[in-house]
């Protein structure tokens, strides 16, 4: 793997904590049923201070985004950019309007 692929892999693993899995649950909410199934809560993403190492459940403060707020930026970044485009255009590729 090159450095771009490594960074994408790390970003994907972090994003998986917040995205719905095959069962339709977000690991960040662990076994908290209200956040997993309630239509008024299930799409509000909380960025916790810490995460359980085995299941990804959020722990600690949920009212301060801190470093976990960066997950949203990595989802955006890797959604717009791939290694080839970055190598061709460099940092300018981040600021060009996407074709989407």
N, C-alpha and C. Protein backbone atom coordinates (compact mmCIF):
# COMPACT_ATOMS: atom_id res chain seq x y z
N UNK A 1 0.84 -1.19 0.00
CA UNK A 1 0.00 0.00 0.00
C UNK A 1 0.88 1.24 0.00
N UNK A 2 0.44 2.24 -0.76
CA UNK A 2 1.16 3.50 -0.69
C UNK A 2 0.54 4.36 0.42
N UNK A 3 1.13 5.51 0.67
CA UNK A 3 0.68 6.35 1.78
C UNK A 3 -0.77 6.82 1.60
N UNK A 4 -1.16 7.12 0.38
CA UNK A 4 -2.55 7.52 0.12
C UNK A 4 -3.50 6.39 0.49
N UNK A 5 -3.18 5.17 0.09
CA UNK A 5 -4.03 4.02 0.38
C UNK A 5 -4.10 3.74 1.88
N UNK A 6 -2.99 3.91 2.57
CA UNK A 6 -2.98 3.73 4.02
C UNK A 6 -3.88 4.75 4.69
N UNK A 7 -3.77 6.01 4.27
CA UNK A 7 -4.60 7.05 4.88
C UNK A 7 -6.08 6.82 4.57
N UNK A 8 -6.39 6.33 3.37
CA UNK A 8 -7.78 6.02 3.03
C UNK A 8 -8.29 4.87 3.88
N UNK A 9 -7.48 3.86 4.09
CA UNK A 9 -7.88 2.72 4.92
C UNK A 9 -8.19 3.17 6.35
N UNK A 10 -7.34 4.01 6.91
CA UNK A 10 -7.58 4.52 8.26
C UNK A 10 -8.87 5.34 8.30
N UNK A 11 -9.05 6.19 7.30
CA UNK A 11 -10.27 7.01 7.23
C UNK A 11 -11.51 6.14 7.09
N UNK A 12 -11.44 5.09 6.27
CA UNK A 12 -12.58 4.19 6.10
C UNK A 12 -12.92 3.47 7.40
N UNK A 13 -11.90 3.04 8.12
CA UNK A 13 -12.14 2.36 9.40
C UNK A 13 -12.79 3.29 10.41
N UNK A 14 -12.33 4.54 10.45
CA UNK A 14 -12.96 5.51 11.35
C UNK A 14 -14.40 5.79 10.94
N UNK A 15 -14.63 5.94 9.65
CA UNK A 15 -15.98 6.23 9.16
C UNK A 15 -16.94 5.09 9.48
N UNK A 16 -16.46 3.86 9.45
CA UNK A 16 -17.33 2.71 9.73
C UNK A 16 -17.93 2.75 11.13
N UNK A 17 -17.31 3.45 12.04
CA UNK A 17 -17.87 3.60 13.38
C UNK A 17 -19.19 4.35 13.31
N UNK A 18 -19.32 5.27 12.36
CA UNK A 18 -20.48 6.15 12.29
C UNK A 18 -21.50 5.75 11.23
N UNK A 19 -21.11 4.89 10.30
CA UNK A 19 -22.00 4.48 9.21
C UNK A 19 -22.78 3.23 9.61
N UNK A 20 -23.95 3.06 9.02
CA UNK A 20 -24.76 1.87 9.31
C UNK A 20 -24.07 0.61 8.78
N UNK A 21 -24.13 -0.44 9.58
CA UNK A 21 -23.56 -1.73 9.17
C UNK A 21 -24.62 -2.57 8.46
N UNK A 22 -24.32 -3.84 8.23
CA UNK A 22 -25.23 -4.74 7.51
C UNK A 22 -26.57 -4.90 8.23
N UNK A 23 -26.57 -4.77 9.54
CA UNK A 23 -27.81 -4.89 10.32
C UNK A 23 -28.56 -3.56 10.42
N UNK A 24 -28.01 -2.52 9.83
CA UNK A 24 -28.65 -1.21 9.87
C UNK A 24 -28.34 -0.41 11.12
N UNK A 25 -27.37 -0.86 11.90
CA UNK A 25 -26.98 -0.18 13.14
C UNK A 25 -25.68 0.58 12.96
N UNK A 26 -25.54 1.64 13.71
CA UNK A 26 -24.29 2.40 13.74
C UNK A 26 -23.49 1.94 14.96
N UNK A 27 -22.28 1.43 14.77
CA UNK A 27 -21.48 0.98 15.91
C UNK A 27 -21.30 2.05 16.99
N UNK A 28 -21.27 3.31 16.61
CA UNK A 28 -21.07 4.38 17.58
C UNK A 28 -22.14 4.38 18.67
N UNK A 29 -23.33 3.88 18.36
CA UNK A 29 -24.42 3.88 19.34
C UNK A 29 -24.49 2.61 20.16
N UNK A 30 -23.61 1.66 19.90
CA UNK A 30 -23.58 0.43 20.69
C UNK A 30 -24.96 -0.20 20.81
N UNK A 31 -25.36 -0.49 22.04
CA UNK A 31 -26.66 -1.13 22.26
C UNK A 31 -27.74 -0.14 22.69
N UNK A 32 -27.51 1.15 22.47
CA UNK A 32 -28.51 2.16 22.81
C UNK A 32 -29.62 2.11 21.77
N UNK A 33 -30.70 1.46 22.11
CA UNK A 33 -31.79 1.20 21.18
C UNK A 33 -32.41 2.48 20.61
N UNK A 34 -32.57 3.49 21.44
CA UNK A 34 -33.20 4.74 20.99
C UNK A 34 -32.45 5.35 19.80
N UNK A 35 -31.13 5.40 19.89
CA UNK A 35 -30.35 5.98 18.80
C UNK A 35 -30.27 5.06 17.58
N UNK A 36 -30.46 3.77 17.78
CA UNK A 36 -30.39 2.83 16.67
C UNK A 36 -31.68 2.78 15.86
N UNK A 37 -32.83 2.90 16.52
CA UNK A 37 -34.09 2.64 15.83
C UNK A 37 -35.09 3.79 15.80
N UNK A 38 -35.05 4.68 16.76
CA UNK A 38 -36.03 5.76 16.82
C UNK A 38 -35.85 6.70 15.63
N UNK A 39 -36.90 6.90 14.82
CA UNK A 39 -36.77 7.74 13.62
C UNK A 39 -36.42 9.20 13.94
N UNK A 40 -36.67 9.62 15.16
CA UNK A 40 -36.35 11.00 15.54
C UNK A 40 -34.90 11.15 15.99
N UNK A 41 -34.21 10.05 16.23
CA UNK A 41 -32.84 10.11 16.75
C UNK A 41 -31.81 9.40 15.88
N UNK A 42 -32.21 8.41 15.12
CA UNK A 42 -31.24 7.52 14.47
C UNK A 42 -30.33 8.19 13.44
N UNK A 43 -30.73 9.33 12.90
CA UNK A 43 -29.89 9.99 11.90
C UNK A 43 -29.11 11.18 12.45
N UNK A 44 -29.18 11.39 13.75
CA UNK A 44 -28.36 12.42 14.39
C UNK A 44 -27.07 11.77 14.87
N UNK A 45 -25.97 12.17 14.30
CA UNK A 45 -24.69 11.53 14.61
C UNK A 45 -24.02 12.28 15.76
N UNK A 46 -23.69 11.54 16.79
CA UNK A 46 -22.96 12.10 17.93
C UNK A 46 -21.49 11.73 17.79
N UNK A 47 -20.62 12.67 18.06
CA UNK A 47 -19.18 12.44 18.00
C UNK A 47 -18.65 12.38 19.43
N UNK A 48 -18.39 11.17 19.87
CA UNK A 48 -17.96 10.95 21.25
C UNK A 48 -16.48 11.22 21.44
N UNK A 49 -16.13 11.34 22.70
CA UNK A 49 -14.74 11.61 23.08
C UNK A 49 -13.86 10.37 22.92
N UNK A 50 -14.41 9.20 23.26
CA UNK A 50 -13.68 7.94 23.19
C UNK A 50 -14.57 6.88 22.58
N UNK A 51 -13.97 5.75 22.20
CA UNK A 51 -14.72 4.66 21.61
C UNK A 51 -14.27 3.33 22.20
N UNK A 52 -15.22 2.42 22.35
CA UNK A 52 -14.92 1.08 22.84
C UNK A 52 -14.05 0.38 21.79
N UNK A 53 -12.95 -0.20 22.21
CA UNK A 53 -12.00 -0.80 21.28
C UNK A 53 -12.50 -2.02 20.55
N UNK A 54 -13.47 -2.73 21.12
CA UNK A 54 -13.96 -3.95 20.48
C UNK A 54 -15.17 -3.73 19.57
N UNK A 55 -16.07 -2.83 19.97
CA UNK A 55 -17.30 -2.69 19.18
C UNK A 55 -17.54 -1.28 18.63
N UNK A 56 -16.69 -0.32 18.96
CA UNK A 56 -16.82 1.03 18.41
C UNK A 56 -17.84 1.91 19.10
N UNK A 57 -18.49 1.41 20.14
CA UNK A 57 -19.51 2.21 20.83
C UNK A 57 -18.89 3.48 21.41
N UNK A 58 -19.62 4.58 21.27
CA UNK A 58 -19.15 5.85 21.78
C UNK A 58 -19.15 5.89 23.29
N UNK A 59 -18.11 6.48 23.85
CA UNK A 59 -17.96 6.60 25.30
C UNK A 59 -17.54 8.03 25.63
N UNK A 60 -17.83 8.46 26.82
CA UNK A 60 -17.40 9.79 27.23
C UNK A 60 -18.31 10.88 26.68
N UNK A 61 -17.80 12.08 26.67
CA UNK A 61 -18.59 13.24 26.26
C UNK A 61 -19.04 13.13 24.81
N UNK A 62 -20.30 13.46 24.56
CA UNK A 62 -20.81 13.46 23.19
C UNK A 62 -21.14 14.86 22.72
N UNK A 63 -20.89 15.84 23.55
CA UNK A 63 -21.24 17.21 23.20
C UNK A 63 -20.05 18.01 22.68
N UNK A 64 -18.89 17.40 22.64
CA UNK A 64 -17.71 18.07 22.13
C UNK A 64 -17.17 17.22 20.98
N UNK A 65 -17.11 17.79 19.80
CA UNK A 65 -16.68 16.99 18.66
C UNK A 65 -15.19 16.68 18.71
N UNK A 66 -14.37 17.63 19.09
CA UNK A 66 -12.93 17.38 19.18
C UNK A 66 -12.39 16.72 17.93
N UNK A 67 -11.50 15.76 18.12
CA UNK A 67 -10.85 15.11 16.98
C UNK A 67 -11.81 14.29 16.15
N UNK A 68 -12.90 13.78 16.75
CA UNK A 68 -13.80 12.92 15.99
C UNK A 68 -14.56 13.70 14.92
N UNK A 69 -14.64 15.01 15.06
CA UNK A 69 -15.25 15.82 14.02
C UNK A 69 -14.48 15.74 12.71
N UNK A 70 -13.22 15.32 12.78
CA UNK A 70 -12.41 15.16 11.57
C UNK A 70 -12.90 14.02 10.69
N UNK A 71 -13.65 13.09 11.27
CA UNK A 71 -14.16 11.97 10.49
C UNK A 71 -15.03 12.48 9.34
N UNK A 72 -15.87 13.47 9.62
CA UNK A 72 -16.72 14.03 8.57
C UNK A 72 -15.88 14.61 7.44
N UNK A 73 -14.78 15.24 7.78
CA UNK A 73 -13.91 15.82 6.76
C UNK A 73 -13.22 14.73 5.93
N UNK A 74 -12.83 13.63 6.57
CA UNK A 74 -12.19 12.56 5.79
C UNK A 74 -13.19 11.88 4.85
N UNK A 75 -14.44 11.76 5.28
CA UNK A 75 -15.46 11.20 4.40
C UNK A 75 -15.62 12.10 3.18
N UNK A 76 -15.67 13.39 3.41
CA UNK A 76 -15.79 14.35 2.31
C UNK A 76 -14.54 14.29 1.42
N UNK A 77 -13.38 14.31 2.01
CA UNK A 77 -12.13 14.32 1.26
C UNK A 77 -12.00 13.12 0.34
N UNK A 78 -12.17 11.92 0.89
CA UNK A 78 -11.99 10.72 0.09
C UNK A 78 -13.18 10.45 -0.82
N UNK A 79 -14.29 11.13 -0.58
CA UNK A 79 -15.42 11.05 -1.51
C UNK A 79 -15.17 11.85 -2.77
N UNK A 80 -14.32 12.86 -2.67
CA UNK A 80 -14.03 13.74 -3.81
C UNK A 80 -12.70 13.44 -4.50
N UNK A 81 -11.83 12.71 -3.85
CA UNK A 81 -10.46 12.62 -4.32
C UNK A 81 -9.98 11.18 -4.35
N UNK A 82 -9.26 10.83 -5.39
CA UNK A 82 -8.58 9.54 -5.43
C UNK A 82 -7.10 9.80 -5.67
N UNK A 83 -6.29 8.77 -5.53
CA UNK A 83 -4.83 8.93 -5.61
C UNK A 83 -4.39 9.49 -6.96
N UNK A 84 -4.97 8.99 -8.04
CA UNK A 84 -4.55 9.45 -9.37
C UNK A 84 -4.85 10.93 -9.56
N UNK A 85 -6.04 11.34 -9.15
CA UNK A 85 -6.42 12.74 -9.30
C UNK A 85 -5.51 13.64 -8.45
N UNK A 86 -5.20 13.17 -7.26
CA UNK A 86 -4.33 13.96 -6.40
C UNK A 86 -2.93 14.08 -6.99
N UNK A 87 -2.41 12.98 -7.54
CA UNK A 87 -1.07 13.02 -8.14
C UNK A 87 -1.04 13.92 -9.37
N UNK A 88 -2.12 13.93 -10.13
CA UNK A 88 -2.17 14.77 -11.33
C UNK A 88 -2.28 16.25 -10.99
N UNK A 89 -3.11 16.57 -10.02
CA UNK A 89 -3.41 17.97 -9.75
C UNK A 89 -2.86 18.50 -8.43
N UNK A 90 -2.37 17.62 -7.58
CA UNK A 90 -1.86 18.06 -6.29
C UNK A 90 -2.96 18.65 -5.42
N UNK A 91 -2.59 19.60 -4.61
CA UNK A 91 -3.55 20.19 -3.68
C UNK A 91 -4.68 20.91 -4.40
N UNK A 92 -4.45 21.33 -5.62
CA UNK A 92 -5.49 22.02 -6.38
C UNK A 92 -6.72 21.13 -6.58
N UNK A 93 -6.51 19.81 -6.61
CA UNK A 93 -7.63 18.88 -6.82
C UNK A 93 -8.66 18.98 -5.71
N UNK A 94 -8.24 19.38 -4.54
CA UNK A 94 -9.17 19.51 -3.42
C UNK A 94 -10.14 20.66 -3.60
N UNK A 95 -9.73 21.65 -4.37
CA UNK A 95 -10.52 22.86 -4.47
C UNK A 95 -11.28 22.99 -5.78
N UNK A 96 -11.08 22.04 -6.69
CA UNK A 96 -11.84 22.05 -7.93
C UNK A 96 -13.23 21.52 -7.66
N UNK A 97 -14.20 22.07 -8.36
CA UNK A 97 -15.57 21.61 -8.19
C UNK A 97 -15.70 20.21 -8.76
N UNK A 98 -16.37 19.34 -8.03
CA UNK A 98 -16.52 17.96 -8.48
C UNK A 98 -17.53 17.87 -9.61
N UNK A 99 -17.49 16.75 -10.32
CA UNK A 99 -18.41 16.52 -11.43
C UNK A 99 -19.78 16.07 -10.96
N UNK A 100 -19.93 15.82 -9.68
CA UNK A 100 -21.19 15.30 -9.14
C UNK A 100 -22.20 16.40 -9.00
